[in-house]
Protein backbone atom coordinates (compact mmCIF):
# COMPACT_ATOMS: atom_id res chain seq x y z
CA MET A 1 -36.97 -243.48 148.90
CA ASN A 2 -34.69 -240.41 148.85
CA LEU A 3 -31.05 -240.48 147.78
CA TYR A 4 -29.75 -240.71 151.35
CA ARG A 5 -31.96 -243.72 152.09
CA ARG A 6 -31.05 -245.36 148.77
CA LEU A 7 -27.37 -245.05 149.59
CA ARG A 8 -27.95 -246.54 153.05
CA ASN A 9 -29.89 -249.40 151.44
CA ILE A 10 -27.00 -250.12 149.09
CA ALA A 11 -24.50 -249.94 151.97
CA TRP A 12 -26.53 -252.35 154.11
CA ARG A 13 -26.80 -254.90 151.32
CA ALA A 14 -23.16 -254.61 150.27
CA SER A 15 -21.99 -255.13 153.86
CA MET A 16 -23.88 -258.45 154.02
CA LYS A 17 -22.78 -259.84 150.68
CA GLY A 18 -21.43 -263.38 150.95
CA LEU A 19 -22.40 -263.82 154.61
CA PRO A 20 -24.55 -266.82 155.60
CA ARG A 21 -27.97 -265.49 156.50
CA GLY A 22 -31.20 -266.56 158.15
CA PRO A 23 -34.76 -265.20 158.30
CA HIS A 24 -35.47 -261.53 157.68
CA LEU A 25 -35.30 -258.84 160.34
CA SER A 26 -38.87 -259.17 161.65
CA ARG A 27 -38.54 -262.93 162.12
CA TYR A 28 -34.90 -263.60 163.03
CA PHE A 29 -35.09 -263.26 166.82
CA MET A 30 -38.51 -264.91 167.07
CA TYR A 31 -37.64 -267.98 165.01
CA ASN A 32 -34.38 -268.44 166.90
CA ARG A 33 -36.24 -268.19 170.18
CA LEU A 34 -38.85 -270.71 169.03
CA GLY A 35 -36.00 -273.06 168.20
CA GLU A 36 -34.75 -272.77 171.77
CA VAL A 37 -38.24 -273.41 173.14
CA GLY A 38 -38.73 -276.33 170.76
CA ARG A 39 -35.69 -278.12 172.14
CA THR A 40 -37.32 -278.18 175.59
CA LEU A 41 -40.54 -279.83 174.43
CA PRO A 42 -40.77 -283.50 175.45
CA ASN A 43 -42.69 -284.66 172.36
CA ARG A 44 -41.44 -283.29 169.05
CA ASN A 45 -43.16 -285.85 166.85
CA GLY A 46 -46.82 -286.50 166.30
CA ARG A 47 -49.41 -284.95 164.03
CA VAL A 48 -49.29 -281.22 163.22
CA LEU A 49 -52.05 -278.95 161.97
CA ALA A 50 -50.42 -276.08 160.06
CA VAL A 51 -52.89 -273.20 159.72
CA SER A 52 -52.61 -271.04 156.59
CA ARG A 53 -49.16 -271.96 155.28
CA SER A 54 -47.46 -272.20 158.66
CA ALA A 55 -45.61 -275.50 158.17
CA ASN A 56 -42.27 -273.63 158.14
CA VAL A 57 -42.52 -273.23 161.93
CA CYS A 58 -42.14 -277.00 162.35
CA GLU A 59 -38.56 -276.65 161.20
CA MET A 60 -37.99 -273.63 163.44
CA LEU A 61 -39.21 -275.65 166.44
CA GLY A 62 -37.09 -278.66 165.50
CA LEU A 63 -40.15 -280.89 165.15
CA THR A 64 -40.10 -284.18 163.25
CA PRO A 65 -43.82 -284.65 162.66
CA SER A 66 -45.38 -287.96 161.68
CA GLU A 67 -47.73 -285.89 159.52
CA ILE A 68 -48.27 -282.22 158.67
CA VAL A 69 -51.86 -281.43 157.76
CA PRO A 70 -52.29 -278.07 155.98
CA ALA A 71 -55.38 -275.99 156.72
CA ASP A 72 -55.01 -273.11 154.28
CA TYR A 73 -57.38 -270.18 153.91
CA PRO A 74 -59.94 -269.86 152.32
CA GLU A 75 -60.62 -273.61 152.16
CA HIS A 76 -60.17 -273.69 155.94
CA ASN A 77 -61.14 -271.09 158.51
CA MET A 78 -59.42 -270.87 161.88
CA LEU A 79 -62.78 -269.99 163.44
CA SER A 80 -64.29 -273.31 162.40
CA LEU A 81 -61.70 -276.01 161.73
CA LYS A 82 -62.95 -279.01 159.77
CA PHE A 83 -61.34 -281.63 161.99
CA PRO A 84 -62.60 -283.86 164.81
CA ASP A 85 -61.90 -283.14 168.47
CA GLU A 86 -58.47 -284.17 169.78
CA SER A 87 -56.97 -284.84 166.32
CA PHE A 88 -53.53 -283.24 166.62
CA ASP A 89 -50.43 -283.10 168.81
CA TYR A 90 -49.58 -279.58 167.57
CA VAL A 91 -51.49 -276.67 166.08
CA ILE A 92 -49.30 -273.99 164.51
CA SER A 93 -50.17 -270.61 163.03
CA ASP A 94 -47.55 -268.14 161.83
CA GLN A 95 -48.73 -264.53 161.45
CA VAL A 96 -52.34 -265.63 161.04
CA LEU A 97 -54.24 -264.41 164.12
CA GLU A 98 -54.25 -260.78 163.02
CA HIS A 99 -56.15 -261.83 159.87
CA VAL A 100 -58.94 -263.77 161.61
CA GLU A 101 -62.26 -262.30 160.53
CA GLY A 102 -64.03 -262.82 163.83
CA PRO A 103 -63.36 -263.07 167.57
CA PRO A 104 -59.75 -264.21 168.19
CA GLN A 105 -60.91 -266.13 171.28
CA ASP A 106 -63.07 -268.32 169.02
CA ALA A 107 -60.01 -269.13 166.89
CA ILE A 108 -57.94 -270.05 169.94
CA ASP A 109 -60.78 -272.18 171.31
CA GLU A 110 -61.02 -274.02 168.00
CA CYS A 111 -57.31 -274.79 168.16
CA ARG A 112 -57.77 -276.10 171.69
CA ARG A 113 -60.66 -278.28 170.56
CA VAL A 114 -58.67 -280.10 167.87
CA LEU A 115 -55.64 -280.66 170.11
CA LYS A 116 -55.16 -283.90 171.98
CA PRO A 117 -54.85 -283.63 175.78
CA GLY A 118 -51.39 -282.24 176.45
CA GLY A 119 -51.11 -281.04 172.85
CA ILE A 120 -49.30 -277.80 172.08
CA ALA A 121 -50.35 -274.67 170.20
CA VAL A 122 -47.79 -272.27 168.74
CA HIS A 123 -49.08 -268.95 167.45
CA THR A 124 -47.02 -266.05 166.15
CA THR A 125 -48.63 -262.73 165.30
CA CYS A 126 -47.88 -259.00 165.45
CA PHE A 127 -48.44 -255.88 167.52
CA ILE A 128 -46.68 -252.77 166.17
CA ASN A 129 -46.94 -253.31 162.46
CA PRO A 130 -48.32 -251.54 159.37
CA ILE A 131 -51.69 -252.66 158.06
CA HIS A 132 -51.15 -255.54 155.64
CA GLU A 133 -53.93 -257.17 153.67
CA ALA A 134 -53.74 -260.93 153.31
CA PRO A 135 -56.63 -260.75 152.58
CA ALA A 136 -57.48 -258.33 155.43
CA ASP A 137 -55.94 -257.15 158.68
CA TYR A 138 -58.13 -256.96 161.81
CA TRP A 139 -56.22 -257.40 165.09
CA ARG A 140 -53.07 -256.64 167.08
CA PHE A 141 -51.80 -258.63 170.07
CA THR A 142 -49.56 -257.76 172.98
CA PRO A 143 -48.02 -260.66 174.93
CA PHE A 144 -50.61 -259.88 177.62
CA ALA A 145 -53.39 -260.40 175.08
CA LEU A 146 -51.99 -263.76 173.97
CA LYS A 147 -51.70 -264.85 177.59
CA HIS A 148 -55.31 -263.82 178.20
CA LEU A 149 -56.52 -265.77 175.18
CA HIS A 150 -54.88 -268.90 176.65
CA ARG A 151 -55.94 -268.28 180.24
CA ASP A 152 -57.84 -271.60 180.46
CA TRP A 153 -55.03 -273.75 179.08
CA SER A 154 -53.08 -276.02 181.40
CA GLN A 155 -49.72 -274.31 180.79
CA ILE A 156 -48.35 -271.30 178.98
CA ILE A 157 -44.86 -272.47 178.09
CA GLU A 158 -43.81 -269.09 176.74
CA VAL A 159 -45.43 -265.83 175.76
CA ALA A 160 -43.19 -263.03 174.52
CA GLY A 161 -42.45 -260.47 171.84
CA TRP A 162 -39.62 -258.89 169.89
CA GLY A 163 -39.03 -255.45 168.49
CA SER A 164 -37.36 -252.09 169.01
CA PHE A 165 -37.85 -248.54 167.86
CA ASP A 166 -34.62 -248.82 165.82
CA VAL A 167 -36.27 -251.32 163.47
CA TRP A 168 -38.19 -248.43 161.91
CA ILE A 169 -34.88 -246.94 160.78
CA ALA A 170 -34.33 -250.15 158.83
CA GLU A 171 -37.89 -249.83 157.51
CA LEU A 172 -37.05 -246.36 156.14
CA ASP A 173 -33.86 -247.78 154.60
CA GLY A 174 -35.92 -250.46 152.84
CA VAL A 175 -34.17 -253.42 154.49
CA ARG A 176 -36.69 -254.58 157.09
CA TYR A 177 -37.41 -257.70 155.03
CA THR A 178 -33.75 -258.40 154.27
CA ALA A 179 -32.32 -261.69 155.54
CA VAL A 180 -30.17 -261.24 158.64
CA PRO A 181 -26.52 -262.41 158.63
CA HIS A 182 -25.62 -264.93 161.32
CA ALA A 183 -22.35 -263.07 161.99
CA LYS A 184 -22.75 -261.66 165.50
CA TRP A 185 -20.37 -258.77 164.78
CA HIS A 186 -22.53 -257.37 161.99
CA PRO A 187 -24.65 -254.28 162.87
CA PHE A 188 -27.69 -255.78 161.13
CA HIS A 189 -27.41 -258.91 163.28
CA LYS A 190 -27.15 -256.75 166.38
CA LEU A 191 -30.25 -254.85 165.29
CA ALA A 192 -32.09 -258.15 164.78
CA MET A 193 -31.20 -259.28 168.30
CA LYS A 194 -32.01 -256.00 170.05
CA ASN A 195 -35.26 -256.31 171.96
CA ASP A 196 -37.23 -253.62 173.76
CA PRO A 197 -40.31 -255.08 175.51
CA ASN A 198 -42.13 -251.76 175.05
CA TRP A 199 -41.90 -251.96 171.24
CA PRO A 200 -42.91 -255.51 170.22
CA ILE A 201 -43.32 -255.85 166.47
CA VAL A 202 -43.99 -259.59 166.55
CA THR A 203 -45.44 -261.57 169.45
CA TRP A 204 -45.84 -265.29 170.08
CA VAL A 205 -47.23 -267.85 172.48
CA VAL A 206 -46.52 -271.54 173.09
CA ALA A 207 -49.24 -273.15 175.21
CA ARG A 208 -50.18 -276.64 176.32
CA LYS A 209 -53.79 -277.84 176.35
């Protein structure tokens, strides 16, 4: 990072000091939106399958699960879940689909299989994003792609994305993964809430079986 960018990084961080903050820039809008969607869901209890360390999304959705069952990689594979049919009220994956080492449709179909009738899947993933190995990075998804993957489900409650070209300025300043202040007047908050549908960095879908 050059001197100019280092100074901008310091200025960003100093301007947010002491302010209550939430998720980082690439998650702030999405998690807030999932919270709004979660409040509209009729059943916020039940049994949740959290794929690969995705239990945090339960809180974002405002769920109060009777049980959260972790299915973490590599012990569990989204392409072949080790659970009986119709076992869960929710299946949640947070930034997992891009790492599936196989056809994404198979992963979505597996989630559908383990959901009870009327159960809900929540998947977040990415579209415009650098390659990131965890352990490997295979796929990118537009909202149209997520809708297509759920074309046989009874209802797509929401499919959307968030991002803007301006986020890459924050990336150059080294603050993309900095927690966003809740203060609506702050420029970083405004950046986090700016959304250009043509530049989705993260995408998500909420669908009912």
